[in-house]
């Protein structure tokens, strides 16, 4: 068991939280640091082998403590408690 692990990200950005939908895999760095800006955000089409750096909205400069993924029946929706940045929601196109 475990012999099939392989690094799939670029190694250029740190990640602390990874989540997915049927369409994509997402990764973002975040930790308990008030006033810090560590908002590296990456995504890849499922299964997560071709990563690209994403853009975050102004005000979201630090990543998640936790993320939940749900659906409205059409779109995947993320709701994240971001360290020192509040609760944010994203609707996957």
PDB file of N, CA and C in Angstrom:
ATOM      1  N   UNK A   1       0.822  -1.166   0.000  1.00  0.00           N
ATOM      2  CA  UNK A   1       0.000   0.000   0.000  1.00  0.00           C
ATOM      3  C   UNK A   1       0.882   1.250   0.000  1.00  0.00           C
ATOM      4  N   UNK A   2       0.486   2.294  -0.747  1.00  0.00           N
ATOM      5  CA  UNK A   2       1.231   3.548  -0.784  1.00  0.00           C
ATOM      6  C   UNK A   2       2.302   3.591  -1.850  1.00  0.00           C
ATOM      7  N   UNK A   3       2.539   2.517  -2.557  1.00  0.00           N
ATOM      8  CA  UNK A   3       3.605   2.507  -3.548  1.00  0.00           C
ATOM      9  C   UNK A   3       3.243   3.271  -4.813  1.00  0.00           C
ATOM     10  N   UNK A   4       2.007   3.703  -4.964  1.00  0.00           N
ATOM     11  CA  UNK A   4       1.612   4.416  -6.175  1.00  0.00           C
ATOM     12  C   UNK A   4       1.564   5.933  -5.991  1.00  0.00           C
ATOM     13  N   UNK A   5       2.062   6.461  -4.872  1.00  0.00           N
ATOM     14  CA  UNK A   5       2.088   7.907  -4.663  1.00  0.00           C
ATOM     15  C   UNK A   5       3.061   8.555  -5.651  1.00  0.00           C
ATOM     16  N   UNK A   6       2.677   9.719  -6.191  1.00  0.00           N
ATOM     17  CA  UNK A   6       3.550  10.484  -7.079  1.00  0.00           C
ATOM     18  C   UNK A   6       3.232  11.962  -6.916  1.00  0.00           C
ATOM     19  N   UNK A   7       4.255  12.799  -6.892  1.00  0.00           N
ATOM     20  CA  UNK A   7       4.019  14.250  -6.809  1.00  0.00           C
ATOM     21  C   UNK A   7       3.434  14.715  -8.129  1.00  0.00           C
ATOM     22  N   UNK A   8       2.341  15.499  -8.066  1.00  0.00           N
ATOM     23  CA  UNK A   8       1.674  15.947  -9.285  1.00  0.00           C
ATOM     24  C   UNK A   8       1.643  17.463  -9.432  1.00  0.00           C
ATOM     25  N   UNK A   9       2.014  18.214  -8.381  1.00  0.00           N
ATOM     26  CA  UNK A   9       2.030  19.669  -8.510  1.00  0.00           C
ATOM     27  C   UNK A   9       3.390  20.132  -9.023  1.00  0.00           C
ATOM     28  N   UNK A  10       3.507  21.433  -9.295  1.00  0.00           N
ATOM     29  CA  UNK A  10       4.745  21.981  -9.841  1.00  0.00           C
ATOM     30  C   UNK A  10       5.855  22.076  -8.802  1.00  0.00           C
ATOM     31  N   UNK A  11       5.482  22.126  -7.532  1.00  0.00           N
ATOM     32  CA  UNK A  11       6.477  22.324  -6.488  1.00  0.00           C
ATOM     33  C   UNK A  11       6.853  23.779  -6.296  1.00  0.00           C
ATOM     34  N   UNK A  12       6.237  24.699  -7.068  1.00  0.00           N
ATOM     35  CA  UNK A  12       6.562  26.127  -6.986  1.00  0.00           C
ATOM     36  C   UNK A  12       5.789  26.871  -5.911  1.00  0.00           C
ATOM     37  N   UNK A  13       4.678  26.309  -5.454  1.00  0.00           N
ATOM     38  CA  UNK A  13       3.817  26.994  -4.493  1.00  0.00           C
ATOM     39  C   UNK A  13       3.479  26.050  -3.355  1.00  0.00           C
ATOM     40  N   UNK A  14       3.430  26.567  -2.133  1.00  0.00           N
ATOM     41  CA  UNK A  14       3.063  25.693  -1.015  1.00  0.00           C
ATOM     42  C   UNK A  14       1.549  25.463  -0.986  1.00  0.00           C
ATOM     43  N   UNK A  15       1.134  24.307  -0.546  1.00  0.00           N
ATOM     44  CA  UNK A  15      -0.281  23.995  -0.373  1.00  0.00           C
ATOM     45  C   UNK A  15      -0.499  23.437   1.019  1.00  0.00           C
ATOM     46  N   UNK A  16      -1.653  23.711   1.595  1.00  0.00           N
ATOM     47  CA  UNK A  16      -1.991  23.157   2.905  1.00  0.00           C
ATOM     48  C   UNK A  16      -3.355  22.490   2.897  1.00  0.00           C
ATOM     49  N   UNK A  17      -4.178  22.837   1.914  1.00  0.00           N
ATOM     50  CA  UNK A  17      -5.536  22.301   1.837  1.00  0.00           C
ATOM     51  C   UNK A  17      -5.820  21.928   0.384  1.00  0.00           C
ATOM     52  N   UNK A  18      -6.378  20.746   0.176  1.00  0.00           N
ATOM     53  CA  UNK A  18      -6.731  20.275  -1.162  1.00  0.00           C
ATOM     54  C   UNK A  18      -8.175  19.784  -1.120  1.00  0.00           C
ATOM     55  N   UNK A  19      -8.953  20.130  -2.136  1.00  0.00           N
ATOM     56  CA  UNK A  19     -10.338  19.659  -2.231  1.00  0.00           C
ATOM     57  C   UNK A  19     -10.670  19.484  -3.711  1.00  0.00           C
ATOM     58  N   UNK A  20     -11.783  18.799  -3.983  1.00  0.00           N
ATOM     59  CA  UNK A  20     -12.097  18.532  -5.382  1.00  0.00           C
ATOM     60  C   UNK A  20     -13.591  18.505  -5.644  1.00  0.00           C
ATOM     61  N   UNK A  21     -13.894  18.574  -6.925  1.00  0.00           N
ATOM     62  CA  UNK A  21     -15.239  18.392  -7.453  1.00  0.00           C
ATOM     63  C   UNK A  21     -15.115  17.349  -8.566  1.00  0.00           C
ATOM     64  N   UNK A  22     -16.209  16.939  -9.153  1.00  0.00           N
ATOM     65  CA  UNK A  22     -16.079  16.021 -10.287  1.00  0.00           C
ATOM     66  C   UNK A  22     -15.278  16.623 -11.458  1.00  0.00           C
ATOM     67  N   UNK A  23     -15.250  17.969 -11.568  1.00  0.00           N
ATOM     68  CA  UNK A  23     -14.538  18.642 -12.665  1.00  0.00           C
ATOM     69  C   UNK A  23     -13.068  18.899 -12.370  1.00  0.00           C
ATOM     70  N   UNK A  24     -12.739  19.353 -11.149  1.00  0.00           N
ATOM     71  CA  UNK A  24     -11.407  19.889 -10.866  1.00  0.00           C
ATOM     72  C   UNK A  24     -10.921  19.545  -9.472  1.00  0.00           C
ATOM     73  N   UNK A  25      -9.611  19.729  -9.295  1.00  0.00           N
ATOM     74  CA  UNK A  25      -8.966  19.609  -7.995  1.00  0.00           C
ATOM     75  C   UNK A  25      -8.375  20.981  -7.677  1.00  0.00           C
ATOM     76  N   UNK A  26      -8.492  21.418  -6.433  1.00  0.00           N
ATOM     77  CA  UNK A  26      -8.038  22.738  -6.012  1.00  0.00           C
ATOM     78  C   UNK A  26      -7.076  22.596  -4.838  1.00  0.00           C
ATOM     79  N   UNK A  27      -6.119  23.512  -4.750  1.00  0.00           N
ATOM     80  CA  UNK A  27      -5.176  23.512  -3.633  1.00  0.00           C
ATOM     81  C   UNK A  27      -4.875  24.953  -3.261  1.00  0.00           C
ATOM     82  N   UNK A  28      -4.748  25.199  -1.957  1.00  0.00           N
ATOM     83  CA  UNK A  28      -4.479  26.547  -1.473  1.00  0.00           C
ATOM     84  C   UNK A  28      -3.697  26.464  -0.180  1.00  0.00           C
ATOM     85  N   UNK A  29      -2.842  27.456   0.037  1.00  0.00           N
ATOM     86  CA  UNK A  29      -2.056  27.500   1.256  1.00  0.00           C
ATOM     87  C   UNK A  29      -2.764  28.383   2.274  1.00  0.00           C
ATOM     88  N   UNK A  30      -2.775  27.967   3.501  1.00  0.00           N
ATOM     89  CA  UNK A  30      -3.354  28.760   4.567  1.00  0.00           C
ATOM     90  C   UNK A  30      -2.932  28.232   5.910  1.00  0.00           C
ATOM     91  N   UNK A  31      -2.713  29.135   6.846  1.00  0.00           N
ATOM     92  CA  UNK A  31      -2.414  28.731   8.214  1.00  0.00           C
ATOM     93  C   UNK A  31      -2.791  29.860   9.148  1.00  0.00           C
ATOM     94  N   UNK A  32      -2.775  29.628  10.430  1.00  0.00           N
ATOM     95  CA  UNK A  32      -3.240  30.583  11.434  1.00  0.00           C
ATOM     96  C   UNK A  32      -2.256  31.739  11.568  1.00  0.00           C
ATOM     97  N   UNK A  33      -2.447  32.765  10.758  1.00  0.00           N
ATOM     98  CA  UNK A  33      -1.546  33.910  10.762  1.00  0.00           C
ATOM     99  C   UNK A  33      -2.353  35.160  10.421  1.00  0.00           C
ATOM    100  N   UNK A  34      -2.772  35.894  11.411  1.00  0.00           N
ATOM    101  CA  UNK A  34      -3.553  37.098  11.183  1.00  0.00           C
ATOM    102  C   UNK A  34      -2.674  38.172  10.547  1.00  0.00           C
ATOM    103  N   UNK A  35      -3.138  38.742   9.461  1.00  0.00           N
ATOM    104  CA  UNK A  35      -2.410  39.796   8.778  1.00  0.00           C
ATOM    105  C   UNK A  35      -1.420  39.297   7.741  1.00  0.00           C
ATOM    106  N   UNK A  36      -1.241  37.992   7.619  1.00  0.00           N
ATOM    107  CA  UNK A  36      -0.330  37.437   6.618  1.00  0.00           C
ATOM    108  C   UNK A  36      -1.050  37.318   5.278  1.00  0.00           C
ATOM    109  N   UNK A  37      -0.285  37.255   4.213  1.00  0.00           N
ATOM    110  CA  UNK A  37      -0.863  37.012   2.896  1.00  0.00           C
ATOM    111  C   UNK A  37      -0.166  35.813   2.277  1.00  0.00           C
ATOM    112  N   UNK A  38      -0.811  34.689   2.344  1.00  0.00           N
ATOM    113  CA  UNK A  38      -0.324  33.441   1.768  1.00  0.00           C
ATOM    114  C   UNK A  38      -1.444  32.843   0.939  1.00  0.00           C
ATOM    115  N   UNK A  39      -1.872  33.521  -0.090  1.00  0.00           N
ATOM    116  CA  UNK A  39      -3.039  33.107  -0.844  1.00  0.00           C
ATOM    117  C   UNK A  39      -2.743  32.391  -2.137  1.00  0.00           C
ATOM    118  N   UNK A  40      -1.658  31.609  -2.193  1.00  0.00           N
ATOM    119  CA  UNK A  40      -1.407  30.855  -3.414  1.00  0.00           C
ATOM    120  C   UNK A  40      -2.557  29.901  -3.659  1.00  0.00           C
ATOM    121  N   UNK A  41      -3.090  29.922  -4.873  1.00  0.00           N
ATOM    122  CA  UNK A  41      -4.250  29.125  -5.229  1.00  0.00           C
ATOM    123  C   UNK A  41      -3.969  28.441  -6.558  1.00  0.00           C
ATOM    124  N   UNK A  42      -4.072  27.126  -6.583  1.00  0.00           N
ATOM    125  CA  UNK A  42      -3.841  26.372  -7.802  1.00  0.00           C
ATOM    126  C   UNK A  42      -5.045  25.490  -8.096  1.00  0.00           C
ATOM    127  N   UNK A  43      -5.226  25.173  -9.373  1.00  0.00           N
ATOM    128  CA  UNK A  43      -6.283  24.231  -9.747  1.00  0.00           C
ATOM    129  C   UNK A  43      -5.804  23.383 -10.915  1.00  0.00           C
ATOM    130  N   UNK A  44      -6.468  22.247 -11.065  1.00  0.00           N
ATOM    131  CA  UNK A  44      -6.157  21.327 -12.151  1.00  0.00           C
ATOM    132  C   UNK A  44      -7.433  20.592 -12.538  1.00  0.00           C
ATOM    133  N   UNK A  45      -7.602  20.309 -13.812  1.00  0.00           N
ATOM    134  CA  UNK A  45      -8.720  19.444 -14.178  1.00  0.00           C
ATOM    135  C   UNK A  45      -8.552  18.097 -13.488  1.00  0.00           C
ATOM    136  N   UNK A  46      -9.672  17.474 -13.109  1.00  0.00           N
ATOM    137  CA  UNK A  46      -9.598  16.147 -12.496  1.00  0.00           C
ATOM    138  C   UNK A  46      -8.900  15.205 -13.472  1.00  0.00           C
ATOM    139  N   UNK A  47      -7.997  14.394 -13.032  1.00  0.00           N
ATOM    140  CA  UNK A  47      -7.710  13.947 -11.686  1.00  0.00           C
ATOM    141  C   UNK A  47      -6.647  14.743 -10.950  1.00  0.00           C
ATOM    142  N   UNK A  48      -6.149  15.859 -11.492  1.00  0.00           N
ATOM    143  CA  UNK A  48      -5.199  16.693 -10.764  1.00  0.00           C
ATOM    144  C   UNK A  48      -3.755  16.534 -11.169  1.00  0.00           C
ATOM    145  N   UNK A  49      -3.486  16.420 -12.458  1.00  0.00           N
ATOM    146  CA  UNK A  49      -2.105  16.245 -12.903  1.00  0.00           C
ATOM    147  C   UNK A  49      -1.541  17.443 -13.653  1.00  0.00           C
ATOM    148  N   UNK A  50      -2.375  18.377 -14.123  1.00  0.00           N
ATOM    149  CA  UNK A  50      -1.912  19.544 -14.866  1.00  0.00           C
ATOM    150  C   UNK A  50      -2.355  20.800 -14.128  1.00  0.00           C
ATOM    151  N   UNK A  51      -1.487  21.362 -13.284  1.00  0.00           N
ATOM    152  CA  UNK A  51      -1.837  22.459 -12.377  1.00  0.00           C
ATOM    153  C   UNK A  51      -1.535  23.817 -12.989  1.00  0.00           C
ATOM    154  N   UNK A  52      -2.342  24.808 -12.620  1.00  0.00           N
ATOM    155  CA  UNK A  52      -2.084  26.203 -13.009  1.00  0.00           C
ATOM    156  C   UNK A  52      -2.431  27.114 -11.838  1.00  0.00           C
ATOM    157  N   UNK A  53      -1.740  28.236 -11.783  1.00  0.00           N
ATOM    158  CA  UNK A  53      -1.948  29.219 -10.728  1.00  0.00           C
ATOM    159  C   UNK A  53      -3.209  30.013 -11.014  1.00  0.00           C
ATOM    160  N   UNK A  54      -4.056  30.169 -10.004  1.00  0.00           N
ATOM    161  CA  UNK A  54      -5.309  30.898 -10.160  1.00  0.00           C
ATOM    162  C   UNK A  54      -5.240  32.293  -9.566  1.00  0.00           C
ATOM    163  N   UNK A  55      -6.271  33.072  -9.807  1.00  0.00           N
ATOM    164  CA  UNK A  55      -6.399  34.425  -9.284  1.00  0.00           C
ATOM    165  C   UNK A  55      -7.405  34.440  -8.142  1.00  0.00           C
ATOM    166  N   UNK A  56      -7.079  35.155  -7.087  1.00  0.00           N
ATOM    167  CA  UNK A  56      -7.987  35.300  -5.950  1.00  0.00           C
ATOM    168  C   UNK A  56      -8.560  36.707  -5.928  1.00  0.00           C
ATOM    169  N   UNK A  57      -9.774  36.873  -5.414  1.00  0.00           N
ATOM    170  CA  UNK A  57     -10.350  38.209  -5.313  1.00  0.00           C
ATOM    171  C   UNK A  57      -9.629  39.039  -4.254  1.00  0.00           C
ATOM    172  N   UNK A  58      -9.695  40.347  -4.412  1.00  0.00           N
ATOM    173  CA  UNK A  58      -9.122  41.260  -3.417  1.00  0.00           C
ATOM    174  C   UNK A  58      -9.732  40.959  -2.051  1.00  0.00           C
ATOM    175  N   UNK A  59      -8.925  40.924  -1.050  1.00  0.00           N
ATOM    176  CA  UNK A  59      -9.395  40.675   0.301  1.00  0.00           C
ATOM    177  C   UNK A  59      -9.232  39.234   0.746  1.00  0.00           C
ATOM    178  N   UNK A  60      -8.965  38.349  -0.207  1.00  0.00           N
ATOM    179  CA  UNK A  60      -8.754  36.948   0.143  1.00  0.00           C
ATOM    180  C   UNK A  60      -7.267  36.638  -0.051  1.00  0.00           C
ATOM    181  N   UNK A  61      -6.477  37.050   0.936  1.00  0.00           N
ATOM    182  CA  UNK A  61      -5.034  36.906   0.835  1.00  0.00           C
ATOM    183  C   UNK A  61      -4.483  35.778   1.664  1.00  0.00           C
ATOM    184  N   UNK A  62      -5.341  35.022   2.312  1.00  0.00           N
ATOM    185  CA  UNK A  62      -4.871  33.883   3.096  1.00  0.00           C
ATOM    186  C   UNK A  62      -5.851  32.737   2.902  1.00  0.00           C
ATOM    187  N   UNK A  63      -5.338  31.542   2.922  1.00  0.00           N
ATOM    188  CA  UNK A  63      -6.131  30.373   2.573  1.00  0.00           C
ATOM    189  C   UNK A  63      -7.009  29.831   3.676  1.00  0.00           C
ATOM    190  N   UNK A  64      -7.549  28.637   3.429  1.00  0.00           N
ATOM    191  CA  UNK A  64      -8.580  28.074   4.277  1.00  0.00           C
ATOM    192  C   UNK A  64      -8.083  27.363   5.529  1.00  0.00           C
ATOM    193  N   UNK A  65      -8.910  27.442   6.543  1.00  0.00           N
ATOM    194  CA  UNK A  65      -8.802  26.559   7.698  1.00  0.00           C
ATOM    195  C   UNK A  65      -9.577  25.298   7.369  1.00  0.00           C
ATOM    196  N   UNK A  66     -10.715  25.484   6.700  1.00  0.00           N
ATOM    197  CA  UNK A  66     -11.536  24.354   6.276  1.00  0.00           C
ATOM    198  C   UNK A  66     -12.382  24.769   5.081  1.00  0.00           C
ATOM    199  N   UNK A  67     -12.733  23.778   4.270  1.00  0.00           N
ATOM    200  CA  UNK A  67     -13.553  23.984   3.068  1.00  0.00           C
ATOM    201  C   UNK A  67     -14.621  22.896   3.042  1.00  0.00           C
ATOM    202  N   UNK A  68     -15.817  23.254   2.640  1.00  0.00           N
ATOM    203  CA  UNK A  68     -16.855  22.260   2.379  1.00  0.00           C
ATOM    204  C   UNK A  68     -17.270  22.429   0.918  1.00  0.00           C
ATOM    205  N   UNK A  69     -17.502  21.324   0.244  1.00  0.00           N
ATOM    206  CA  UNK A  69     -17.963  21.341  -1.140  1.00  0.00           C
ATOM    207  C   UNK A  69     -19.377  20.776  -1.159  1.00  0.00           C
ATOM    208  N   UNK A  70     -20.290  21.528  -1.758  1.00  0.00           N
ATOM    209  CA  UNK A  70     -21.670  21.088  -1.879  1.00  0.00           C
ATOM    210  C   UNK A  70     -22.122  21.357  -3.305  1.00  0.00           C
ATOM    211  N   UNK A  71     -23.372  21.153  -3.609  1.00  0.00           N
ATOM    212  CA  UNK A  71     -23.879  21.362  -4.955  1.00  0.00           C
ATOM    213  C   UNK A  71     -25.299  21.901  -4.890  1.00  0.00           C
ATOM    214  N   UNK A  72     -25.638  22.728  -5.875  1.00  0.00           N
ATOM    215  CA  UNK A  72     -27.019  23.186  -5.999  1.00  0.00           C
ATOM    216  C   UNK A  72     -27.770  22.355  -7.037  1.00  0.00           C
ATOM    217  N   UNK A  73     -27.166  21.246  -7.452  1.00  0.00           N
ATOM    218  CA  UNK A  73     -27.744  20.389  -8.466  1.00  0.00           C
ATOM    219  C   UNK A  73     -27.192  20.664  -9.850  1.00  0.00           C
ATOM    220  N   UNK A  74     -26.602  21.846 -10.042  1.00  0.00           N
ATOM    221  CA  UNK A  74     -25.999  22.224 -11.315  1.00  0.00           C
ATOM    222  C   UNK A  74     -24.521  22.547 -11.162  1.00  0.00           C
ATOM    223  N   UNK A  75     -24.184  23.271 -10.099  1.00  0.00           N
ATOM    224  CA  UNK A  75     -22.813  23.725  -9.864  1.00  0.00           C
ATOM    225  C   UNK A  75     -22.277  23.183  -8.540  1.00  0.00           C
ATOM    226  N   UNK A  76     -20.965  22.952  -8.508  1.00  0.00           N
ATOM    227  CA  UNK A  76     -20.308  22.688  -7.230  1.00  0.00           C
ATOM    228  C   UNK A  76     -20.069  24.029  -6.555  1.00  0.00           C
ATOM    229  N   UNK A  77     -20.265  24.064  -5.261  1.00  0.00           N
ATOM    230  CA  UNK A  77     -20.121  25.293  -4.477  1.00  0.00           C
ATOM    231  C   UNK A  77     -19.168  25.015  -3.329  1.00  0.00           C
ATOM    232  N   UNK A  78     -18.179  25.891  -3.148  1.00  0.00           N
ATOM    233  CA  UNK A  78     -17.247  25.784  -2.022  1.00  0.00           C
ATOM    234  C   UNK A  78     -17.603  26.858  -1.022  1.00  0.00           C
ATOM    235  N   UNK A  79     -17.586  26.520   0.233  1.00  0.00           N
ATOM    236  CA  UNK A  79     -17.686  27.499   1.306  1.00  0.00           C
ATOM    237  C   UNK A  79     -16.486  27.239   2.200  1.00  0.00           C
ATOM    238  N   UNK A  80     -15.677  28.278   2.385  1.00  0.00           N
ATOM    239  CA  UNK A  80     -14.445  28.108   3.147  1.00  0.00           C
ATOM    240  C   UNK A  80     -14.338  29.086   4.289  1.00  0.00           C
ATOM    241  N   UNK A  81     -13.893  28.586   5.427  1.00  0.00           N
ATOM    242  CA  UNK A  81     -13.528  29.442   6.548  1.00  0.00           C
ATOM    243  C   UNK A  81     -12.051  29.761   6.368  1.00  0.00           C
ATOM    244  N   UNK A  82     -11.755  30.994   5.954  1.00  0.00           N
ATOM    245  CA  UNK A  82     -10.389  31.397   5.644  1.00  0.00           C
ATOM    246  C   UNK A  82      -9.734  31.998   6.887  1.00  0.00           C
ATOM    247  N   UNK A  83      -8.504  31.587   7.147  1.00  0.00           N
ATOM    248  CA  UNK A  83      -7.784  32.100   8.317  1.00  0.00           C
ATOM    249  C   UNK A  83      -7.790  33.625   8.290  1.00  0.00           C
ATOM    250  N   UNK A  84      -8.339  34.247   9.301  1.00  0.00           N
ATOM    251  CA  UNK A  84      -8.337  35.703   9.491  1.00  0.00           C
ATOM    252  C   UNK A  84      -8.919  36.483   8.310  1.00  0.00           C
ATOM    253  N   UNK A  85      -9.707  35.837   7.441  1.00  0.00           N
ATOM    254  CA  UNK A  85     -10.273  36.540   6.289  1.00  0.00           C
ATOM    255  C   UNK A  85     -11.771  36.307   6.145  1.00  0.00           C
ATOM    256  N   UNK A  86     -12.399  35.644   7.111  1.00  0.00           N
ATOM    257  CA  UNK A  86     -13.842  35.435   7.057  1.00  0.00           C
ATOM    258  C   UNK A  86     -14.250  34.173   6.321  1.00  0.00           C
ATOM    259  N   UNK A  87     -15.532  34.090   6.011  1.00  0.00           N
ATOM    260  CA  UNK A  87     -16.094  32.949   5.300  1.00  0.00           C
ATOM    261  C   UNK A  87     -16.372  33.391   3.866  1.00  0.00           C
ATOM    262  N   UNK A  88     -15.873  32.600   2.915  1.00  0.00           N
ATOM    263  CA  UNK A  88     -15.990  32.927   1.494  1.00  0.00           C
ATOM    264  C   UNK A  88     -16.708  31.803   0.761  1.00  0.00           C
ATOM    265  N   UNK A  89     -17.375  32.159  -0.330  1.00  0.00           N
ATOM    266  CA  UNK A  89     -18.074  31.181  -1.160  1.00  0.00           C
ATOM    267  C   UNK A  89     -17.644  31.338  -2.611  1.00  0.00           C
ATOM    268  N   UNK A  90     -17.525  30.198  -3.297  1.00  0.00           N
ATOM    269  CA  UNK A  90     -17.177  30.178  -4.725  1.00  0.00           C
ATOM    270  C   UNK A  90     -18.107  29.185  -5.417  1.00  0.00           C
ATOM    271  N   UNK A  91     -18.686  29.598  -6.543  1.00  0.00           N
ATOM    272  CA  UNK A  91     -19.535  28.716  -7.340  1.00  0.00           C
ATOM    273  C   UNK A  91     -18.734  28.352  -8.583  1.00  0.00           C
ATOM    274  N   UNK A  92     -18.467  27.052  -8.733  1.00  0.00           N
ATOM    275  CA  UNK A  92     -17.684  26.580  -9.873  1.00  0.00           C
ATOM    276  C   UNK A  92     -18.506  26.711 -11.141  1.00  0.00           C
ATOM    277  N   UNK A  93     -17.921  27.354 -12.160  1.00  0.00           N
ATOM    278  CA  UNK A  93     -18.669  27.506 -13.431  1.00  0.00           C
ATOM    279  C   UNK A  93     -18.936  26.175 -14.110  1.00  0.00           C
TER     280      UNK A  93
END
